[in-house]
C-alpha atoms as a PDB file:
ATOM      1  CA  MET A   1      40.002  92.860  52.133  1.00  0.00           C
ATOM      2  CA  LYS A   2      42.978  93.820  50.207  1.00  0.00           C
ATOM      3  CA  ALA A   3      43.096  97.049  52.000  1.00  0.00           C
ATOM      4  CA  GLN A   4      43.055  96.259  55.326  1.00  0.00           C
ATOM      5  CA  ILE A   5      45.760  93.853  54.243  1.00  0.00           C
ATOM      6  CA  GLN A   6      47.818  97.184  53.457  1.00  0.00           C
ATOM      7  CA  LEU A   7      46.993  98.855  56.284  1.00  0.00           C
ATOM      8  CA  PRO A   8      49.077  97.186  58.596  1.00  0.00           C
ATOM      9  CA  LEU A   9      51.992  96.213  56.405  1.00  0.00           C
ATOM     10  CA  VAL A  10      51.888 100.347  55.886  1.00  0.00           C
ATOM     11  CA  VAL A  11      51.919 100.951  59.776  1.00  0.00           C
ATOM     12  CA  ILE A  12      54.699  98.534  59.784  1.00  0.00           C
ATOM     13  CA  LEU A  13      57.363  99.705  57.262  1.00  0.00           C
ATOM     14  CA  SER A  14      56.692 102.826  59.332  1.00  0.00           C
ATOM     15  CA  THR A  15      57.852 102.029  62.400  1.00  0.00           C
ATOM     16  CA  PHE A  16      60.903 100.242  61.023  1.00  0.00           C
ATOM     17  CA  ILE A  17      61.706 103.534  59.213  1.00  0.00           C
ATOM     18  CA  PHE A  18      61.671 105.699  61.459  1.00  0.00           C
ATOM     19  CA  THR A  19      62.850 103.396  63.779  1.00  0.00           C
ATOM     20  CA  GLY A  20      66.009 103.311  61.110  1.00  0.00           C
ATOM     21  CA  CYS A  21      66.234 106.797  60.930  1.00  0.00           C
ATOM     22  CA  ALA A  22      66.535 107.958  64.551  1.00  0.00           C
ATOM     23  CA  VAL A  23      69.474 105.522  65.119  1.00  0.00           C
ATOM     24  CA  LEU A  24      71.101 106.953  62.230  1.00  0.00           C
ATOM     25  CA  GLN A  25      70.707 110.511  63.808  1.00  0.00           C
ATOM     26  CA  GLN A  26      71.783 109.475  67.002  1.00  0.00           C
ATOM     27  CA  PRO A  27      75.585 111.002  67.212  1.00  0.00           C
ATOM     28  CA  PRO A  28      78.327 108.785  67.776  1.00  0.00           C
ATOM     29  CA  ALA A  29      79.919 108.186  71.049  1.00  0.00           C
ATOM     30  CA  VAL A  30      83.199 110.516  71.715  1.00  0.00           C
ATOM     31  CA  ALA A  31      86.011 110.384  73.851  1.00  0.00           C
ATOM     32  CA  VAL A  32      86.092 111.763  77.435  1.00  0.00           C
ATOM     33  CA  HIS A  33      88.581 114.205  78.138  1.00  0.00           C
ATOM     34  CA  PRO A  34      91.590 113.138  80.124  1.00  0.00           C
ATOM     35  CA  ALA A  35      90.936 115.954  82.026  1.00  0.00           C
ATOM     36  CA  ARG A  36      87.910 114.425  82.808  1.00  0.00           C
ATOM     37  CA  LEU A  37      89.775 110.945  84.222  1.00  0.00           C
ATOM     38  CA  ALA A  38      92.230 110.594  86.642  1.00  0.00           C
ATOM     39  CA  CYS A  39      94.301 107.526  87.352  1.00  0.00           C
ATOM     40  CA  PRO A  40      96.755 107.719  90.731  1.00  0.00           C
ATOM     41  CA  ASP A  41      98.445 104.681  89.966  1.00  0.00           C
ATOM     42  CA  ALA A  42      99.084 104.991  86.166  1.00  0.00           C
ATOM     43  CA  PRO A  43      98.826 108.356  85.262  1.00  0.00           C
ATOM     44  CA  GLN A  44      99.461 108.468  81.578  1.00  0.00           C
ATOM     45  CA  ILE A  45      96.996 105.434  80.670  1.00  0.00           C
ATOM     46  CA  VAL A  46      94.458 108.715  80.638  1.00  0.00           C
ATOM     47  CA  ASP A  47      96.956 111.479  79.933  1.00  0.00           C
ATOM     48  CA  GLY A  48      95.586 111.613  76.010  1.00  0.00           C
ATOM     49  CA  ASN A  49      98.420 110.358  74.293  1.00  0.00           C
ATOM     50  CA  LEU A  50      99.382 107.008  72.621  1.00  0.00           C
ATOM     51  CA  GLN A  51     103.250 107.576  73.075  1.00  0.00           C
ATOM     52  CA  THR A  52     103.446 107.901  76.563  1.00  0.00           C
ATOM     53  CA  VAL A  53     103.543 104.036  79.047  1.00  0.00           C
ATOM     54  CA  SER A  54     102.700 103.269  82.522  1.00  0.00           C
ATOM     55  CA  ALA A  55     102.915  99.793  84.492  1.00  0.00           C
ATOM     56  CA  LEU A  56      99.392  98.319  86.336  1.00  0.00           C
ATOM     57  CA  ALA A  57     100.390  98.304  90.228  1.00  0.00           C
ATOM     58  CA  THR A  58     101.241  95.136  91.898  1.00  0.00           C
ATOM     59  CA  ASP A  59     102.715  94.238  95.122  1.00  0.00           C
ATOM     60  CA  GLY A  60     103.722  90.558  95.127  1.00  0.00           C
ATOM     61  CA  TYR A  61     106.873  88.655  93.934  1.00  0.00           C
ATOM     62  CA  ILE A  62     107.280  84.881  93.897  1.00  0.00           C
ATOM     63  CA  GLU A  63     109.572  83.422  96.953  1.00  0.00           C
ATOM     64  CA  LYS A  64     111.616  80.306  96.737  1.00  0.00           C
ATOM     65  CA  ARG A  65     112.898  78.140  99.161  1.00  0.00           C
ATOM     66  CA  ILE A  66     115.613  74.929  98.891  1.00  0.00           C
ATOM     67  CA  LEU A  67     117.164  73.106 101.345  1.00  0.00           C
ATOM     68  CA  VAL A  68     119.352  70.733 100.312  1.00  0.00           C
ATOM     69  CA  ASP A  69     121.146  67.608 102.508  1.00  0.00           C
ATOM     70  CA  TYR A  70     124.574  67.663 100.349  1.00  0.00           C
ATOM     71  CA  ARG A  71     125.802  64.465 102.645  1.00  0.00           C
ATOM     72  CA  ARG A  72     123.023  62.500 101.791  1.00  0.00           C
ATOM     73  CA  GLY A  73     121.979  63.655  98.129  1.00  0.00           C
ATOM     74  CA  LYS A  74     118.196  64.876  99.049  1.00  0.00           C
ATOM     75  CA  THR A  75     116.442  67.733  98.862  1.00  0.00           C
ATOM     76  CA  LEU A  76     114.746  68.665 101.479  1.00  0.00           C
ATOM     77  CA  VAL A  77     112.752  71.996 101.157  1.00  0.00           C
ATOM     78  CA  ASN A  78     111.614  72.763  97.526  1.00  0.00           C
ATOM     79  CA  ASP A  79     108.987  75.857  98.030  1.00  0.00           C
ATOM     80  CA  ARG A  80     107.742  78.455  95.590  1.00  0.00           C
ATOM     81  CA  GLN A  81     104.941  80.545  96.593  1.00  0.00           C
ATOM     82  CA  ILE A  82     103.413  83.891  95.985  1.00  0.00           C
ATOM     83  CA  VAL A  83     103.773  86.460  98.800  1.00  0.00           C
ATOM     84  CA  GLY A  84     101.136  89.092  97.945  1.00  0.00           C
ATOM     85  CA  THR A  85      99.333  89.089  94.721  1.00  0.00           C
ATOM     86  CA  LYS A  86     100.062  87.812  91.437  1.00  0.00           C
ATOM     87  CA  ARG A  87      97.440  90.335  89.930  1.00  0.00           C
ATOM     88  CA  ALA A  88      98.120  93.882  88.637  1.00  0.00           C
ATOM     89  CA  GLY A  89      95.621  96.423  88.177  1.00  0.00           C
ATOM     90  CA  ALA A  90      94.425 100.280  87.714  1.00  0.00           C
ATOM     91  CA  LEU A  91      91.451 102.255  89.094  1.00  0.00           C
ATOM     92  CA  ILE A  92      90.480 104.880  87.118  1.00  0.00           C
ATOM     93  CA  VAL A  93      88.059 107.389  88.545  1.00  0.00           C
ATOM     94  CA  LEU A  94      85.918 109.995  86.629  1.00  0.00           C
ATOM     95  CA  LYS A  95      85.388 113.544  87.598  1.00  0.00           C
ATOM     96  CA  GLU A  96      81.612 112.932  87.480  1.00  0.00           C
ATOM     97  CA  PRO A  97      79.380 109.829  86.838  1.00  0.00           C
ATOM     98  CA  MET A  98      78.908 109.388  83.316  1.00  0.00           C
ATOM     99  CA  TYR A  99      77.261 107.180  80.602  1.00  0.00           C
ATOM    100  CA  ILE A 100      80.003 105.196  79.609  1.00  0.00           C
ATOM    101  CA  THR A 101      79.399 103.359  76.219  1.00  0.00           C
ATOM    102  CA  HIS A 102      82.776 101.527  75.585  1.00  0.00           C
ATOM    103  CA  ILE A 103      86.387 101.854  76.412  1.00  0.00           C
ATOM    104  CA  GLU A 104      89.397 101.262  73.943  1.00  0.00           C
ATOM    105  CA  VAL A 105      92.646  99.666  75.750  1.00  0.00           C
ATOM    106  CA  TYR A 106      95.930 100.269  74.055  1.00  0.00           C
ATOM    107  CA  THR A 107      98.477  98.031  74.674  1.00  0.00           C
ATOM    108  CA  ASP A 108     101.898  97.919  74.748  1.00  0.00           C
ATOM    109  CA  SER A 109     103.177  94.924  76.616  1.00  0.00           C
ATOM    110  CA  ALA A 110     101.139  91.494  76.447  1.00  0.00           C
ATOM    111  CA  ILE A 111      98.262  91.436  78.474  1.00  0.00           C
ATOM    112  CA  THR A 112      96.591  87.902  79.715  1.00  0.00           C
ATOM    113  CA  GLU A 113      93.404  87.467  81.298  1.00  0.00           C
ATOM    114  CA  PRO A 114      92.226  91.001  81.433  1.00  0.00           C
ATOM    115  CA  LEU A 115      89.392  92.136  83.712  1.00  0.00           C
ATOM    116  CA  ILE A 116      87.053  95.099  83.549  1.00  0.00           C
ATOM    117  CA  ASP A 117      84.778  95.953  86.873  1.00  0.00           C
ATOM    118  CA  VAL A 118      83.442  99.131  87.534  1.00  0.00           C
ATOM    119  CA  ALA A 119      81.156 101.114  90.182  1.00  0.00           C
ATOM    120  CA  THR A 120      79.226 104.088  90.684  1.00  0.00           C
ATOM    121  CA  ASP A 121      79.192 106.653  93.535  1.00  0.00           C
ATOM    122  CA  LYS A 122      79.577 104.851  97.078  1.00  0.00           C
ATOM    123  CA  SER A 123      77.317 105.851  99.755  1.00  0.00           C
ATOM    124  CA  LEU A 124      78.471 106.839 103.702  1.00  0.00           C
ATOM    125  CA  SER A 125      76.050 103.722 104.151  1.00  0.00           C
ATOM    126  CA  SER A 126      77.522 101.259 102.196  1.00  0.00           C
ATOM    127  CA  PRO A 127      81.701 100.591 100.534  1.00  0.00           C
ATOM    128  CA  LEU A 128      82.776 100.784  96.490  1.00  0.00           C
ATOM    129  CA  LYS A 129      80.931  98.029  94.953  1.00  0.00           C
ATOM    130  CA  PHE A 130      82.401  96.605  91.904  1.00  0.00           C
ATOM    131  CA  ILE A 131      80.612  94.751  89.220  1.00  0.00           C
ATOM    132  CA  PRO A 132      82.403  93.087  86.428  1.00  0.00           C
ATOM    133  CA  ILE A 133      81.322  94.319  82.730  1.00  0.00           C
ATOM    134  CA  LYS A 134      79.628  91.670  80.148  1.00  0.00           C
ATOM    135  CA  ASP A 135      81.964  91.452  76.950  1.00  0.00           C
ATOM    136  CA  PRO A 136      82.931  88.251  74.976  1.00  0.00           C
ATOM    137  CA  GLN A 137      85.935  89.930  74.927  1.00  0.00           C
ATOM    138  CA  ILE A 138      87.063  89.876  78.222  1.00  0.00           C
ATOM    139  CA  GLY A 139      89.638  87.578  79.484  1.00  0.00           C
ATOM    140  CA  LYS A 140      91.705  86.745  76.279  1.00  0.00           C
ATOM    141  CA  PRO A 141      94.833  88.030  75.939  1.00  0.00           C
ATOM    142  CA  ILE A 142      95.953  90.736  73.995  1.00  0.00           C
ATOM    143  CA  LYS A 143      98.694  90.974  72.323  1.00  0.00           C
ATOM    144  CA  PRO A 144     101.549  93.891  72.395  1.00  0.00           C
ATOM    145  CA  GLY A 145     101.082  96.775  70.379  1.00  0.00           C
ATOM    146  CA  GLN A 146      96.930  95.612  69.964  1.00  0.00           C
ATOM    147  CA  MET A 147      93.735  98.200  70.631  1.00  0.00           C
ATOM    148  CA  ARG A 148      90.665  95.727  72.089  1.00  0.00           C
ATOM    149  CA  ARG A 149      87.301  97.418  72.412  1.00  0.00           C
ATOM    150  CA  PHE A 150      84.907  96.336  75.486  1.00  0.00           C
ATOM    151  CA  ARG A 151      81.732  97.208  75.688  1.00  0.00           C
ATOM    152  CA  VAL A 152      79.900  99.121  79.097  1.00  0.00           C
ATOM    153  CA  GLY A 153      77.269 100.582  78.282  1.00  0.00           C
ATOM    154  CA  GLN A 154      75.632 102.214  81.468  1.00  0.00           C
ATOM    155  CA  LYS A 155      76.515 105.001  84.068  1.00  0.00           C
ATOM    156  CA  ILE A 156      79.399 104.877  86.073  1.00  0.00           C
ATOM    157  CA  ARG A 157      82.439 106.399  88.466  1.00  0.00           C
ATOM    158  CA  TYR A 158      85.213 103.977  88.346  1.00  0.00           C
ATOM    159  CA  LEU A 159      86.440 101.735  86.167  1.00  0.00           C
ATOM    160  CA  ARG A 160      89.000  98.632  87.169  1.00  0.00           C
ATOM    161  CA  ILE A 161      91.693  96.560  84.797  1.00  0.00           C
ATOM    162  CA  MET A 162      93.322  94.219  86.354  1.00  0.00           C
ATOM    163  CA  THR A 163      95.555  91.666  84.725  1.00  0.00           C
ATOM    164  CA  ASP A 164      98.345  89.317  85.685  1.00  0.00           C
ATOM    165  CA  ALA A 165     101.724  90.495  86.747  1.00  0.00           C
ATOM    166  CA  VAL A 166     104.914  89.361  84.741  1.00  0.00           C
ATOM    167  CA  LYS A 167     108.025  88.378  86.619  1.00  0.00           C
ATOM    168  CA  ASP A 168     110.789  91.104  87.060  1.00  0.00           C
ATOM    169  CA  MET A 169     113.754  89.410  86.217  1.00  0.00           C
ATOM    170  CA  SER A 170     115.556  92.491  86.930  1.00  0.00           C
ATOM    171  CA  GLY A 171     115.011  92.054  90.014  1.00  0.00           C
ATOM    172  CA  ILE A 172     116.254  88.614  91.666  1.00  0.00           C
ATOM    173  CA  LYS A 173     117.097  88.846  94.693  1.00  0.00           C
ATOM    174  CA  ARG A 174     119.205  85.793  96.203  1.00  0.00           C
ATOM    175  CA  SER A 175     120.381  85.289 100.066  1.00  0.00           C
ATOM    176  CA  THR A 176     120.345  81.890 102.425  1.00  0.00           C
ATOM    177  CA  ILE A 177     118.893  81.612 105.625  1.00  0.00           C
ATOM    178  CA  VAL A 178     119.666  79.021 108.159  1.00  0.00           C
ATOM    179  CA  LYS A 179     121.293  77.139 105.363  1.00  0.00           C
ATOM    180  CA  THR A 180     117.965  77.712 102.546  1.00  0.00           C
ATOM    181  CA  GLN A 181     118.390  78.886  99.563  1.00  0.00           C
ATOM    182  CA  VAL A 182     115.917  81.829  99.375  1.00  0.00           C
ATOM    183  CA  THR A 183     114.998  83.472  95.658  1.00  0.00           C
ATOM    184  CA  ARG A 184     112.935  86.234  95.591  1.00  0.00           C
ATOM    185  CA  ILE A 185     111.582  88.003  92.459  1.00  0.00           C
ATOM    186  CA  PRO A 186     109.005  90.713  91.986  1.00  0.00           C
ATOM    187  CA  LEU A 187     106.296  90.561  90.345  1.00  0.00           C
ATOM    188  CA  LYS A 188     105.910  93.870  87.868  1.00  0.00           C
ATOM    189  CA  GLY A 189     102.758  94.974  86.043  1.00  0.00           C
ATOM    190  CA  PRO A 190     102.355  94.657  82.099  1.00  0.00           C
ATOM    191  CA  THR A 191     102.360  97.748  80.260  1.00  0.00           C
ATOM    192  CA  ILE A 192      99.777 100.628  78.922  1.00  0.00           C
ATOM    193  CA  ARG A 193      99.866 103.219  75.993  1.00  0.00           C
ATOM    194  CA  GLU A 194      96.281 104.643  76.573  1.00  0.00           C
ATOM    195  CA  ILE A 195      92.721 103.297  77.802  1.00  0.00           C
ATOM    196  CA  LYS A 196      89.989 105.810  76.520  1.00  0.00           C
ATOM    197  CA  LEU A 197      86.832 106.096  77.567  1.00  0.00           C
ATOM    198  CA  TYR A 198      83.250 107.026  75.119  1.00  0.00           C
ATOM    199  CA  GLU A 199      80.213 108.687  76.055  1.00  0.00           C
ATOM    200  CA  ILE A 200      76.977 110.168  74.274  1.00  0.00           C
ATOM    201  CA  PRO A 201      76.839 113.722  74.566  1.00  0.00           C
ATOM    202  CA  THR A 202      74.324 114.618  77.396  1.00  0.00           C
ATOM    203  CA  GLU A 203      72.816 116.931  75.331  1.00  0.00           C
ATOM    204  CA  SER A 204      72.593 114.080  72.304  1.00  0.00           C
ATOM    205  CA  ARG A 205      71.434 111.347  74.877  1.00  0.00           C
ATOM    206  CA  SER A 206      68.624 113.970  76.902  1.00  0.00           C
ATOM    207  CA  ARG A 207      66.777 114.494  72.990  1.00  0.00           C
END
């Protein structure tokens, strides 16, 4: 009876030991070489140099309109709107599809509500379709000079990072149109030092 009980235990222990050894033998992920990446909007975030900085691209501004009836002491119009988009972003293109385990984002300025999505190669019959990655760190602010790691765990060709743009107070423009005071505050993207992508070497994954 003891021999019958011990045999399954031996099999289970052997399985755990074999699995553990296999995990230990798996090589660590390595950073994708900058030559295999491109980022047209912010090229320095994938140049492999933590000393260089690029701003995420944005296309929008805040417009304020104020019309005051000074004789009656009343504000007739007090309007504030965002023209364009309040989000800033950058698209990273991989030279060829790769299985990316995770990425590291090295910030320069603060980033609020970061969102990251990925896509595979587009086809002639369907447009590029981005899918958000699932990671507990998504949406959490990142402090200036901090590194944040995000899990990807899939084969991709494109990676996009987006976050809120910030006010560019140095570029404020004021004008008056038909007794209405118009103020335009351009939006600019936060700055990032580097985004590193990591992969398991192909020869290691094929074993």
